């Protein structure tokens, strides 16, 4: 699968000339420096974001574009030499002219940014090129978001998981993309959540790869190279089994007797029978077949990812994210 961002920038370069680019997602905390979360250095080395991070406090480009989100700013040689750190970075790659624009994504508290560069010996970017880039950026942002959402819908379709909300996060719990239901589902468990960072409880779960089960929501993560697919599932009060009850329900629905369950779990048979009565009451079932059907209908099966990647276009998704099959 061709890389979406590279293909898009290849297409743009056919309309007007630029030597390199930097396209990604970032956030600006109320207090603190801008943080780049995921990005594509185009015709630049992969370590370019790290070099920028070292001088970002001196980057006058950031302050200029953040004053007018959505407006493309044209920076010439003089502007790029406004601070020693920025001048050093630009000189390292021979950059003498830059167009930069950001598009805000308020629902996730994120922004998309694009910088186009020209090197020594080239004419500075023109006003026409600046306007063209400004008009183009919202479409690029929408196309990239749609591309990511298409991958999420493929996961949903291949798993037949209609009630699952899906998103993609990194190891820090930074949300990059989410389907239309993700934010509303998150707020069922965390009403004050704003994003783009997941609640600290979930961040810990990501790092330990342990599923989270709250009062209203169950959450699991699946590694995708340097990123994680996160799926959210609503838990109804009717079906909210404790971890021990869920374990017993699964054992009983697959054929184990309450005596076998008691033996395997090291509990008294009367305790196992008590748990089963509570399970039947909570799930409103009256026999083993109905219990098995109810557990299946809750759609709590794992998402299995293997084979060729559906998500290899995601910046940061370095490993295969494959054909998705229900367990």
C-alpha atoms as a PDB file:
ATOM      1  CA  UNK A   1       0.000   0.000   0.000  1.00  0.00           C
ATOM      2  CA  UNK A   2       1.580   3.326  -0.974  1.00  0.00           C
ATOM      3  CA  UNK A   3       2.244   5.794   1.803  1.00  0.00           C
ATOM      4  CA  UNK A   4      -0.620   8.291   1.726  1.00  0.00           C
ATOM      5  CA  UNK A   5       1.322  11.341   2.835  1.00  0.00           C
ATOM      6  CA  UNK A   6       4.227  10.741   0.479  1.00  0.00           C
ATOM      7  CA  UNK A   7       1.863  10.227  -2.421  1.00  0.00           C
ATOM      8  CA  UNK A   8      -0.008  13.424  -1.557  1.00  0.00           C
ATOM      9  CA  UNK A   9       3.211  15.454  -1.343  1.00  0.00           C
ATOM     10  CA  UNK A  10       4.447  13.913  -4.600  1.00  0.00           C
ATOM     11  CA  UNK A  11       1.235  15.133  -6.225  1.00  0.00           C
ATOM     12  CA  UNK A  12       1.563  18.635  -4.785  1.00  0.00           C
ATOM     13  CA  UNK A  13       5.171  18.875  -5.973  1.00  0.00           C
ATOM     14  CA  UNK A  14       3.860  18.452  -9.522  1.00  0.00           C
ATOM     15  CA  UNK A  15       1.921  21.710  -9.120  1.00  0.00           C
ATOM     16  CA  UNK A  16       4.758  23.852  -7.802  1.00  0.00           C
ATOM     17  CA  UNK A  17       8.353  23.265  -6.858  1.00  0.00           C
ATOM     18  CA  UNK A  18       9.599  22.581  -3.322  1.00  0.00           C
ATOM     19  CA  UNK A  19      12.624  20.594  -2.187  1.00  0.00           C
ATOM     20  CA  UNK A  20      11.398  19.063   1.070  1.00  0.00           C
ATOM     21  CA  UNK A  21       8.502  19.180   3.521  1.00  0.00           C
ATOM     22  CA  UNK A  22       7.421  18.314   7.033  1.00  0.00           C
ATOM     23  CA  UNK A  23       3.812  17.225   7.666  1.00  0.00           C
ATOM     24  CA  UNK A  24       2.398  16.002  10.930  1.00  0.00           C
ATOM     25  CA  UNK A  25       0.227  16.370  14.018  1.00  0.00           C
ATOM     26  CA  UNK A  26       1.030  18.432  17.089  1.00  0.00           C
ATOM     27  CA  UNK A  27      -0.503  20.004  20.158  1.00  0.00           C
ATOM     28  CA  UNK A  28       0.056  23.255  22.011  1.00  0.00           C
ATOM     29  CA  UNK A  29      -0.450  22.964  25.790  1.00  0.00           C
ATOM     30  CA  UNK A  30      -1.907  26.055  27.517  1.00  0.00           C
ATOM     31  CA  UNK A  31       1.513  26.436  29.091  1.00  0.00           C
ATOM     32  CA  UNK A  32       4.568  24.963  27.470  1.00  0.00           C
ATOM     33  CA  UNK A  33       6.117  24.397  24.073  1.00  0.00           C
ATOM     34  CA  UNK A  34       4.476  22.887  21.040  1.00  0.00           C
ATOM     35  CA  UNK A  35       4.860  19.112  20.947  1.00  0.00           C
ATOM     36  CA  UNK A  36       5.104  17.079  17.742  1.00  0.00           C
ATOM     37  CA  UNK A  37       3.309  13.775  18.128  1.00  0.00           C
ATOM     38  CA  UNK A  38       3.630  12.128  14.744  1.00  0.00           C
ATOM     39  CA  UNK A  39       5.094  13.478  11.527  1.00  0.00           C
ATOM     40  CA  UNK A  40       6.537  12.690   8.114  1.00  0.00           C
ATOM     41  CA  UNK A  41       9.822  14.375   7.136  1.00  0.00           C
ATOM     42  CA  UNK A  42       9.526  14.401   3.322  1.00  0.00           C
ATOM     43  CA  UNK A  43      12.867  14.300   1.483  1.00  0.00           C
ATOM     44  CA  UNK A  44      14.432  14.942   4.873  1.00  0.00           C
ATOM     45  CA  UNK A  45      16.174  12.482   7.219  1.00  0.00           C
ATOM     46  CA  UNK A  46      14.060  10.639   9.774  1.00  0.00           C
ATOM     47  CA  UNK A  47      15.917  12.385  12.608  1.00  0.00           C
ATOM     48  CA  UNK A  48      14.786  15.852  11.461  1.00  0.00           C
ATOM     49  CA  UNK A  49      11.991  16.071  14.115  1.00  0.00           C
ATOM     50  CA  UNK A  50      14.558  15.372  16.825  1.00  0.00           C
ATOM     51  CA  UNK A  51      16.775  18.200  15.587  1.00  0.00           C
ATOM     52  CA  UNK A  52      13.814  20.560  15.584  1.00  0.00           C
ATOM     53  CA  UNK A  53      12.880  19.500  19.117  1.00  0.00           C
ATOM     54  CA  UNK A  54      16.282  20.667  20.327  1.00  0.00           C
ATOM     55  CA  UNK A  55      15.709  24.215  19.025  1.00  0.00           C
ATOM     56  CA  UNK A  56      11.909  24.517  19.204  1.00  0.00           C
ATOM     57  CA  UNK A  57      12.030  27.256  21.842  1.00  0.00           C
ATOM     58  CA  UNK A  58      13.852  29.394  19.278  1.00  0.00           C
ATOM     59  CA  UNK A  59      11.548  28.553  16.367  1.00  0.00           C
ATOM     60  CA  UNK A  60       9.908  31.843  15.399  1.00  0.00           C
ATOM     61  CA  UNK A  61       7.898  30.015  12.719  1.00  0.00           C
ATOM     62  CA  UNK A  62       5.750  28.400  15.416  1.00  0.00           C
ATOM     63  CA  UNK A  63       4.726  31.641  17.085  1.00  0.00           C
ATOM     64  CA  UNK A  64       3.953  33.272  13.742  1.00  0.00           C
ATOM     65  CA  UNK A  65       1.660  30.533  12.427  1.00  0.00           C
ATOM     66  CA  UNK A  66      -0.047  30.034  15.804  1.00  0.00           C
ATOM     67  CA  UNK A  67      -1.113  33.679  15.789  1.00  0.00           C
ATOM     68  CA  UNK A  68      -3.233  32.976  12.698  1.00  0.00           C
ATOM     69  CA  UNK A  69      -4.261  29.312  12.457  1.00  0.00           C
ATOM     70  CA  UNK A  70      -5.345  28.434   8.942  1.00  0.00           C
ATOM     71  CA  UNK A  71      -3.269  31.225   7.395  1.00  0.00           C
ATOM     72  CA  UNK A  72      -0.182  30.122   5.489  1.00  0.00           C
ATOM     73  CA  UNK A  73       2.868  32.226   6.369  1.00  0.00           C
ATOM     74  CA  UNK A  74       5.725  32.838   3.944  1.00  0.00           C
ATOM     75  CA  UNK A  75       9.168  32.910   5.585  1.00  0.00           C
ATOM     76  CA  UNK A  76      12.182  34.193   3.687  1.00  0.00           C
ATOM     77  CA  UNK A  77      15.875  34.044   4.495  1.00  0.00           C
ATOM     78  CA  UNK A  78      15.704  36.921   6.982  1.00  0.00           C
ATOM     79  CA  UNK A  79      12.853  35.350   8.973  1.00  0.00           C
ATOM     80  CA  UNK A  80      14.569  31.960   9.042  1.00  0.00           C
ATOM     81  CA  UNK A  81      17.687  33.593  10.510  1.00  0.00           C
ATOM     82  CA  UNK A  82      15.743  35.351  13.264  1.00  0.00           C
ATOM     83  CA  UNK A  83      17.163  33.081  15.978  1.00  0.00           C
ATOM     84  CA  UNK A  84      20.465  31.172  16.189  1.00  0.00           C
ATOM     85  CA  UNK A  85      18.797  27.789  16.732  1.00  0.00           C
ATOM     86  CA  UNK A  86      16.410  28.082  13.773  1.00  0.00           C
ATOM     87  CA  UNK A  87      19.144  29.551  11.569  1.00  0.00           C
ATOM     88  CA  UNK A  88      21.426  26.622  12.404  1.00  0.00           C
ATOM     89  CA  UNK A  89      18.738  24.051  11.587  1.00  0.00           C
ATOM     90  CA  UNK A  90      17.838  25.707   8.285  1.00  0.00           C
ATOM     91  CA  UNK A  91      21.494  26.107   7.308  1.00  0.00           C
ATOM     92  CA  UNK A  92      22.152  22.422   7.966  1.00  0.00           C
ATOM     93  CA  UNK A  93      19.728  21.527   5.169  1.00  0.00           C
ATOM     94  CA  UNK A  94      20.342  24.564   2.995  1.00  0.00           C
ATOM     95  CA  UNK A  95      16.784  25.871   3.488  1.00  0.00           C
ATOM     96  CA  UNK A  96      16.282  29.526   2.602  1.00  0.00           C
ATOM     97  CA  UNK A  97      12.511  29.752   2.070  1.00  0.00           C
ATOM     98  CA  UNK A  98       9.552  28.183   3.884  1.00  0.00           C
ATOM     99  CA  UNK A  99       5.759  28.074   3.713  1.00  0.00           C
ATOM    100  CA  UNK A 100       4.044  26.958   6.929  1.00  0.00           C
ATOM    101  CA  UNK A 101       0.392  26.557   7.926  1.00  0.00           C
ATOM    102  CA  UNK A 102      -1.529  24.835  10.733  1.00  0.00           C
ATOM    103  CA  UNK A 103      -5.116  23.575  10.803  1.00  0.00           C
ATOM    104  CA  UNK A 104      -6.819  23.212  14.171  1.00  0.00           C
ATOM    105  CA  UNK A 105      -8.640  19.999  15.123  1.00  0.00           C
ATOM    106  CA  UNK A 106     -10.530  21.294  18.182  1.00  0.00           C
ATOM    107  CA  UNK A 107     -12.463  18.089  18.865  1.00  0.00           C
ATOM    108  CA  UNK A 108      -9.149  16.362  19.702  1.00  0.00           C
ATOM    109  CA  UNK A 109      -7.208  19.426  20.901  1.00  0.00           C
ATOM    110  CA  UNK A 110      -4.728  18.730  18.111  1.00  0.00           C
ATOM    111  CA  UNK A 111      -3.501  20.545  15.051  1.00  0.00           C
ATOM    112  CA  UNK A 112      -2.155  19.455  11.688  1.00  0.00           C
ATOM    113  CA  UNK A 113       0.867  21.335  10.361  1.00  0.00           C
ATOM    114  CA  UNK A 114       2.620  21.488   7.010  1.00  0.00           C
ATOM    115  CA  UNK A 115       5.938  23.129   6.172  1.00  0.00           C
ATOM    116  CA  UNK A 116       7.273  23.305   2.610  1.00  0.00           C
ATOM    117  CA  UNK A 117      10.933  24.185   2.036  1.00  0.00           C
ATOM    118  CA  UNK A 118      13.134  25.523  -0.738  1.00  0.00           C
ATOM    119  CA  UNK A 119      16.914  25.499  -0.676  1.00  0.00           C
ATOM    120  CA  UNK A 120      19.704  27.882  -1.585  1.00  0.00           C
ATOM    121  CA  UNK A 121      19.665  28.927  -5.239  1.00  0.00           C
ATOM    122  CA  UNK A 122      15.869  28.722  -5.629  1.00  0.00           C
ATOM    123  CA  UNK A 123      13.472  31.639  -5.855  1.00  0.00           C
ATOM    124  CA  UNK A 124      11.550  32.369  -2.623  1.00  0.00           C
ATOM    125  CA  UNK A 125       7.968  31.143  -2.526  1.00  0.00           C
ATOM    126  CA  UNK A 126       5.560  33.510  -4.230  1.00  0.00           C
ATOM    127  CA  UNK A 127       2.321  34.987  -2.939  1.00  0.00           C
ATOM    128  CA  UNK A 128       0.405  32.744  -5.353  1.00  0.00           C
ATOM    129  CA  UNK A 129       2.128  29.659  -3.927  1.00  0.00           C
ATOM    130  CA  UNK A 130       1.383  30.847  -0.391  1.00  0.00           C
ATOM    131  CA  UNK A 131      -2.326  31.213  -1.207  1.00  0.00           C
ATOM    132  CA  UNK A 132      -2.390  27.859  -2.957  1.00  0.00           C
ATOM    133  CA  UNK A 133      -0.906  26.127   0.116  1.00  0.00           C
ATOM    134  CA  UNK A 134      -3.351  27.909   2.422  1.00  0.00           C
ATOM    135  CA  UNK A 135      -6.329  26.772   0.337  1.00  0.00           C
ATOM    136  CA  UNK A 136      -4.929  23.257   0.063  1.00  0.00           C
ATOM    137  CA  UNK A 137      -4.188  22.573   3.739  1.00  0.00           C
ATOM    138  CA  UNK A 138      -7.774  21.999   5.007  1.00  0.00           C
ATOM    139  CA  UNK A 139      -8.294  19.482   2.200  1.00  0.00           C
ATOM    140  CA  UNK A 140      -5.045  17.686   3.019  1.00  0.00           C
ATOM    141  CA  UNK A 141      -6.015  17.480   6.685  1.00  0.00           C
ATOM    142  CA  UNK A 142      -9.478  16.151   5.851  1.00  0.00           C
ATOM    143  CA  UNK A 143      -8.021  13.621   3.408  1.00  0.00           C
ATOM    144  CA  UNK A 144      -5.498  12.336   5.956  1.00  0.00           C
ATOM    145  CA  UNK A 145      -8.172  12.018   8.642  1.00  0.00           C
ATOM    146  CA  UNK A 146     -10.468  10.233   6.191  1.00  0.00           C
ATOM    147  CA  UNK A 147      -7.650   7.870   5.259  1.00  0.00           C
ATOM    148  CA  UNK A 148      -7.098   6.916   8.893  1.00  0.00           C
ATOM    149  CA  UNK A 149     -10.833   6.553   9.521  1.00  0.00           C
ATOM    150  CA  UNK A 150     -11.102   4.278   6.497  1.00  0.00           C
ATOM    151  CA  UNK A 151      -8.605   1.934   8.141  1.00  0.00           C
ATOM    152  CA  UNK A 152     -10.614   1.977  11.372  1.00  0.00           C
ATOM    153  CA  UNK A 153     -13.755   1.103   9.443  1.00  0.00           C
ATOM    154  CA  UNK A 154     -11.926  -1.811   7.810  1.00  0.00           C
ATOM    155  CA  UNK A 155     -11.080  -3.139  11.264  1.00  0.00           C
ATOM    156  CA  UNK A 156     -14.699  -2.741  12.314  1.00  0.00           C
ATOM    157  CA  UNK A 157     -16.045  -4.422   9.175  1.00  0.00           C
ATOM    158  CA  UNK A 158     -13.632  -7.355   9.349  1.00  0.00           C
ATOM    159  CA  UNK A 159     -14.534  -7.971  12.984  1.00  0.00           C
ATOM    160  CA  UNK A 160     -18.248  -7.221  12.632  1.00  0.00           C
ATOM    161  CA  UNK A 161     -17.799  -5.063  15.744  1.00  0.00           C
ATOM    162  CA  UNK A 162     -20.543  -2.529  15.219  1.00  0.00           C
ATOM    163  CA  UNK A 163     -20.683  -1.471  18.874  1.00  0.00           C
ATOM    164  CA  UNK A 164     -16.959  -0.866  19.256  1.00  0.00           C
ATOM    165  CA  UNK A 165     -15.457   2.640  19.183  1.00  0.00           C
ATOM    166  CA  UNK A 166     -11.933   2.682  17.748  1.00  0.00           C
ATOM    167  CA  UNK A 167      -8.987   5.055  17.946  1.00  0.00           C
ATOM    168  CA  UNK A 168      -5.208   5.139  17.501  1.00  0.00           C
ATOM    169  CA  UNK A 169      -2.871   6.323  20.274  1.00  0.00           C
ATOM    170  CA  UNK A 170       0.847   6.294  21.039  1.00  0.00           C
ATOM    171  CA  UNK A 171       2.699   5.008  24.117  1.00  0.00           C
ATOM    172  CA  UNK A 172       2.019   8.252  25.945  1.00  0.00           C
ATOM    173  CA  UNK A 173      -1.725   7.907  25.407  1.00  0.00           C
ATOM    174  CA  UNK A 174      -1.839  10.671  22.783  1.00  0.00           C
ATOM    175  CA  UNK A 175      -4.852  10.210  20.512  1.00  0.00           C
ATOM    176  CA  UNK A 176      -4.129  10.695  16.793  1.00  0.00           C
ATOM    177  CA  UNK A 177      -7.367   9.632  15.163  1.00  0.00           C
ATOM    178  CA  UNK A 178     -10.719   8.272  16.310  1.00  0.00           C
ATOM    179  CA  UNK A 179     -14.001   7.272  14.775  1.00  0.00           C
ATOM    180  CA  UNK A 180     -17.138   9.372  15.231  1.00  0.00           C
ATOM    181  CA  UNK A 181     -18.297   7.609  18.394  1.00  0.00           C
ATOM    182  CA  UNK A 182     -14.985   7.483  20.264  1.00  0.00           C
ATOM    183  CA  UNK A 183     -15.207  10.822  22.074  1.00  0.00           C
ATOM    184  CA  UNK A 184     -18.823  10.391  23.201  1.00  0.00           C
ATOM    185  CA  UNK A 185     -18.109   6.835  24.401  1.00  0.00           C
ATOM    186  CA  UNK A 186     -15.038   7.992  26.345  1.00  0.00           C
ATOM    187  CA  UNK A 187     -17.165  10.575  28.145  1.00  0.00           C
ATOM    188  CA  UNK A 188     -19.542   7.884  29.362  1.00  0.00           C
ATOM    189  CA  UNK A 189     -16.759   6.754  31.727  1.00  0.00           C
ATOM    190  CA  UNK A 190     -14.898  10.089  32.015  1.00  0.00           C
ATOM    191  CA  UNK A 191     -17.463  12.916  31.537  1.00  0.00           C
ATOM    192  CA  UNK A 192     -14.853  15.682  31.824  1.00  0.00           C
ATOM    193  CA  UNK A 193     -12.402  14.164  29.355  1.00  0.00           C
ATOM    194  CA  UNK A 194     -11.256  16.561  26.632  1.00  0.00           C
ATOM    195  CA  UNK A 195      -8.280  14.901  24.904  1.00  0.00           C
ATOM    196  CA  UNK A 196      -5.956  14.538  23.161  1.00  0.00           C
ATOM    197  CA  UNK A 197      -4.306  12.646  26.063  1.00  0.00           C
ATOM    198  CA  UNK A 198      -6.161   9.640  27.410  1.00  0.00           C
ATOM    199  CA  UNK A 199      -6.929   9.567  31.146  1.00  0.00           C
ATOM    200  CA  UNK A 200      -3.924   8.508  33.200  1.00  0.00           C
ATOM    201  CA  UNK A 201      -5.672   5.276  34.195  1.00  0.00           C
ATOM    202  CA  UNK A 202      -5.820   4.209  30.563  1.00  0.00           C
ATOM    203  CA  UNK A 203      -2.247   5.290  29.866  1.00  0.00           C
ATOM    204  CA  UNK A 204      -1.074   2.893  32.586  1.00  0.00           C
ATOM    205  CA  UNK A 205      -3.161   0.130  31.034  1.00  0.00           C
ATOM    206  CA  UNK A 206      -1.551   0.738  27.640  1.00  0.00           C
ATOM    207  CA  UNK A 207       1.917   0.433  29.111  1.00  0.00           C
ATOM    208  CA  UNK A 208       1.078  -2.833  30.873  1.00  0.00           C
ATOM    209  CA  UNK A 209      -1.145  -4.206  28.063  1.00  0.00           C
ATOM    210  CA  UNK A 210      -3.785  -5.071  30.675  1.00  0.00           C
ATOM    211  CA  UNK A 211      -7.431  -4.590  29.624  1.00  0.00           C
ATOM    212  CA  UNK A 212      -9.355  -1.925  31.525  1.00  0.00           C
ATOM    213  CA  UNK A 213     -12.861  -2.584  32.809  1.00  0.00           C
ATOM    214  CA  UNK A 214     -14.630   0.348  34.416  1.00  0.00           C
ATOM    215  CA  UNK A 215     -18.171   1.001  35.595  1.00  0.00           C
ATOM    216  CA  UNK A 216     -19.449   1.868  32.137  1.00  0.00           C
ATOM    217  CA  UNK A 217     -16.651   0.988  29.732  1.00  0.00           C
ATOM    218  CA  UNK A 218     -14.224  -1.770  28.847  1.00  0.00           C
ATOM    219  CA  UNK A 219     -11.046  -0.830  26.989  1.00  0.00           C
ATOM    220  CA  UNK A 220      -8.390  -2.922  25.254  1.00  0.00           C
ATOM    221  CA  UNK A 221      -5.344  -2.041  23.225  1.00  0.00           C
ATOM    222  CA  UNK A 222      -3.567  -3.797  20.374  1.00  0.00           C
ATOM    223  CA  UNK A 223       0.028  -2.926  19.341  1.00  0.00           C
ATOM    224  CA  UNK A 224       0.533  -1.424  15.886  1.00  0.00           C
ATOM    225  CA  UNK A 225       4.275  -0.861  15.604  1.00  0.00           C
ATOM    226  CA  UNK A 226       4.955   2.298  17.595  1.00  0.00           C
ATOM    227  CA  UNK A 227       1.226   2.998  17.944  1.00  0.00           C
ATOM    228  CA  UNK A 228      -1.762   1.245  19.523  1.00  0.00           C
ATOM    229  CA  UNK A 229      -5.253   0.505  18.301  1.00  0.00           C
ATOM    230  CA  UNK A 230      -7.631   1.115  21.193  1.00  0.00           C
ATOM    231  CA  UNK A 231     -11.171  -0.253  21.270  1.00  0.00           C
ATOM    232  CA  UNK A 232     -13.888   0.925  23.638  1.00  0.00           C
ATOM    233  CA  UNK A 233     -16.959  -1.130  24.466  1.00  0.00           C
ATOM    234  CA  UNK A 234     -19.891   0.015  26.548  1.00  0.00           C
ATOM    235  CA  UNK A 235     -20.745  -2.177  29.523  1.00  0.00           C
ATOM    236  CA  UNK A 236     -24.429  -2.207  30.413  1.00  0.00           C
ATOM    237  CA  UNK A 237     -25.475  -2.536  34.035  1.00  0.00           C
ATOM    238  CA  UNK A 238     -27.237  -5.750  33.051  1.00  0.00           C
ATOM    239  CA  UNK A 239     -24.057  -7.321  31.739  1.00  0.00           C
ATOM    240  CA  UNK A 240     -21.509  -5.856  34.132  1.00  0.00           C
ATOM    241  CA  UNK A 241     -19.904  -9.014  35.487  1.00  0.00           C
ATOM    242  CA  UNK A 242     -16.981  -8.912  37.864  1.00  0.00           C
ATOM    243  CA  UNK A 243     -13.704 -10.409  36.550  1.00  0.00           C
ATOM    244  CA  UNK A 244     -14.325 -13.604  38.591  1.00  0.00           C
ATOM    245  CA  UNK A 245     -17.940 -13.821  37.382  1.00  0.00           C
ATOM    246  CA  UNK A 246     -16.843 -13.361  33.782  1.00  0.00           C
ATOM    247  CA  UNK A 247     -14.268 -16.129  34.206  1.00  0.00           C
ATOM    248  CA  UNK A 248     -16.840 -18.504  35.681  1.00  0.00           C
ATOM    249  CA  UNK A 249     -19.442 -17.591  33.046  1.00  0.00           C
ATOM    250  CA  UNK A 250     -17.015 -18.359  30.240  1.00  0.00           C
ATOM    251  CA  UNK A 251     -16.020 -21.693  31.803  1.00  0.00           C
ATOM    252  CA  UNK A 252     -19.623 -22.726  32.439  1.00  0.00           C
ATOM    253  CA  UNK A 253     -20.855 -21.667  28.978  1.00  0.00           C
ATOM    254  CA  UNK A 254     -18.167 -23.805  27.324  1.00  0.00           C
ATOM    255  CA  UNK A 255     -19.176 -26.989  29.136  1.00  0.00           C
ATOM    256  CA  UNK A 256     -17.596 -27.051  32.591  1.00  0.00           C
ATOM    257  CA  UNK A 257     -19.800 -28.059  35.516  1.00  0.00           C
ATOM    258  CA  UNK A 258     -19.965 -25.943  38.658  1.00  0.00           C
ATOM    259  CA  UNK A 259     -17.989 -28.660  40.485  1.00  0.00           C
ATOM    260  CA  UNK A 260     -15.249 -28.577  37.824  1.00  0.00           C
ATOM    261  CA  UNK A 261     -15.182 -24.787  38.016  1.00  0.00           C
ATOM    262  CA  UNK A 262     -14.843 -24.947  41.798  1.00  0.00           C
ATOM    263  CA  UNK A 263     -11.976 -27.443  41.517  1.00  0.00           C
ATOM    264  CA  UNK A 264     -10.105 -25.476  38.820  1.00  0.00           C
ATOM    265  CA  UNK A 265     -10.480 -22.149  40.631  1.00  0.00           C
ATOM    266  CA  UNK A 266      -9.850 -23.518  44.103  1.00  0.00           C
ATOM    267  CA  UNK A 267     -13.206 -22.399  45.523  1.00  0.00           C
ATOM    268  CA  UNK A 268     -16.045 -24.240  47.232  1.00  0.00           C
ATOM    269  CA  UNK A 269     -18.771 -25.727  45.016  1.00  0.00           C
ATOM    270  CA  UNK A 270     -21.351 -23.654  46.905  1.00  0.00           C
ATOM    271  CA  UNK A 271     -19.373 -20.516  46.039  1.00  0.00           C
ATOM    272  CA  UNK A 272     -19.298 -21.478  42.370  1.00  0.00           C
ATOM    273  CA  UNK A 273     -23.069 -22.059  42.420  1.00  0.00           C
ATOM    274  CA  UNK A 274     -23.592 -18.672  44.106  1.00  0.00           C
ATOM    275  CA  UNK A 275     -21.549 -16.960  41.384  1.00  0.00           C
ATOM    276  CA  UNK A 276     -23.575 -18.722  38.689  1.00  0.00           C
ATOM    277  CA  UNK A 277     -26.857 -17.579  40.254  1.00  0.00           C
ATOM    278  CA  UNK A 278     -25.567 -13.985  40.236  1.00  0.00           C
ATOM    279  CA  UNK A 279     -24.399 -14.349  36.618  1.00  0.00           C
ATOM    280  CA  UNK A 280     -27.821 -15.644  35.544  1.00  0.00           C
ATOM    281  CA  UNK A 281     -29.501 -12.798  37.393  1.00  0.00           C
ATOM    282  CA  UNK A 282     -27.271 -10.075  35.922  1.00  0.00           C
ATOM    283  CA  UNK A 283     -27.475 -11.403  32.373  1.00  0.00           C
ATOM    284  CA  UNK A 284     -31.157 -12.327  32.682  1.00  0.00           C
ATOM    285  CA  UNK A 285     -30.693 -15.840  31.343  1.00  0.00           C
ATOM    286  CA  UNK A 286     -32.023 -19.173  32.590  1.00  0.00           C
ATOM    287  CA  UNK A 287     -29.868 -21.854  30.956  1.00  0.00           C
ATOM    288  CA  UNK A 288     -26.362 -22.576  29.685  1.00  0.00           C
ATOM    289  CA  UNK A 289     -27.252 -22.073  25.992  1.00  0.00           C
ATOM    290  CA  UNK A 290     -28.724 -18.645  26.680  1.00  0.00           C
ATOM    291  CA  UNK A 291     -25.644 -17.759  28.731  1.00  0.00           C
ATOM    292  CA  UNK A 292     -23.318 -18.703  25.877  1.00  0.00           C
ATOM    293  CA  UNK A 293     -25.409 -16.662  23.432  1.00  0.00           C
ATOM    294  CA  UNK A 294     -25.421 -13.656  25.765  1.00  0.00           C
ATOM    295  CA  UNK A 295     -21.650 -13.711  26.174  1.00  0.00           C
ATOM    296  CA  UNK A 296     -21.217 -13.867  22.402  1.00  0.00           C
ATOM    297  CA  UNK A 297     -23.738 -11.081  21.856  1.00  0.00           C
ATOM    298  CA  UNK A 298     -21.753  -8.834  24.198  1.00  0.00           C
ATOM    299  CA  UNK A 299     -19.124  -8.855  21.484  1.00  0.00           C
ATOM    300  CA  UNK A 300     -16.184  -8.986  23.862  1.00  0.00           C
ATOM    301  CA  UNK A 301     -13.978 -11.056  21.542  1.00  0.00           C
ATOM    302  CA  UNK A 302     -10.398 -10.089  20.925  1.00  0.00           C
ATOM    303  CA  UNK A 303      -9.316  -8.307  17.768  1.00  0.00           C
ATOM    304  CA  UNK A 304      -6.553 -10.316  16.129  1.00  0.00           C
ATOM    305  CA  UNK A 305      -4.107  -8.487  13.888  1.00  0.00           C
ATOM    306  CA  UNK A 306      -1.742 -10.400  11.652  1.00  0.00           C
ATOM    307  CA  UNK A 307      -0.589 -10.612   8.054  1.00  0.00           C
ATOM    308  CA  UNK A 308      -0.423  -7.644   5.666  1.00  0.00           C
ATOM    309  CA  UNK A 309      -0.999  -4.244   7.160  1.00  0.00           C
ATOM    310  CA  UNK A 310      -4.154  -2.184   6.775  1.00  0.00           C
ATOM    311  CA  UNK A 311      -2.460   0.551   8.799  1.00  0.00           C
ATOM    312  CA  UNK A 312       0.997   0.791   7.289  1.00  0.00           C
ATOM    313  CA  UNK A 313       0.163   4.289   6.034  1.00  0.00           C
ATOM    314  CA  UNK A 314      -0.074   5.541   9.605  1.00  0.00           C
ATOM    315  CA  UNK A 315       3.048   7.518  10.533  1.00  0.00           C
ATOM    316  CA  UNK A 316       4.674   5.564  13.357  1.00  0.00           C
ATOM    317  CA  UNK A 317       2.997   2.267  12.490  1.00  0.00           C
ATOM    318  CA  UNK A 318       6.177   0.475  11.540  1.00  0.00           C
ATOM    319  CA  UNK A 319       5.016  -3.090  12.000  1.00  0.00           C
ATOM    320  CA  UNK A 320       2.404  -5.135  10.202  1.00  0.00           C
ATOM    321  CA  UNK A 321      -1.192  -4.373  11.114  1.00  0.00           C
ATOM    322  CA  UNK A 322      -2.905  -7.043   9.258  1.00  0.00           C
ATOM    323  CA  UNK A 323      -5.971  -8.752   8.058  1.00  0.00           C
ATOM    324  CA  UNK A 324      -8.287  -8.668  11.016  1.00  0.00           C
ATOM    325  CA  UNK A 325     -10.171 -11.750  12.106  1.00  0.00           C
ATOM    326  CA  UNK A 326     -12.576 -12.323  14.976  1.00  0.00           C
ATOM    327  CA  UNK A 327     -11.613 -14.960  17.517  1.00  0.00           C
END
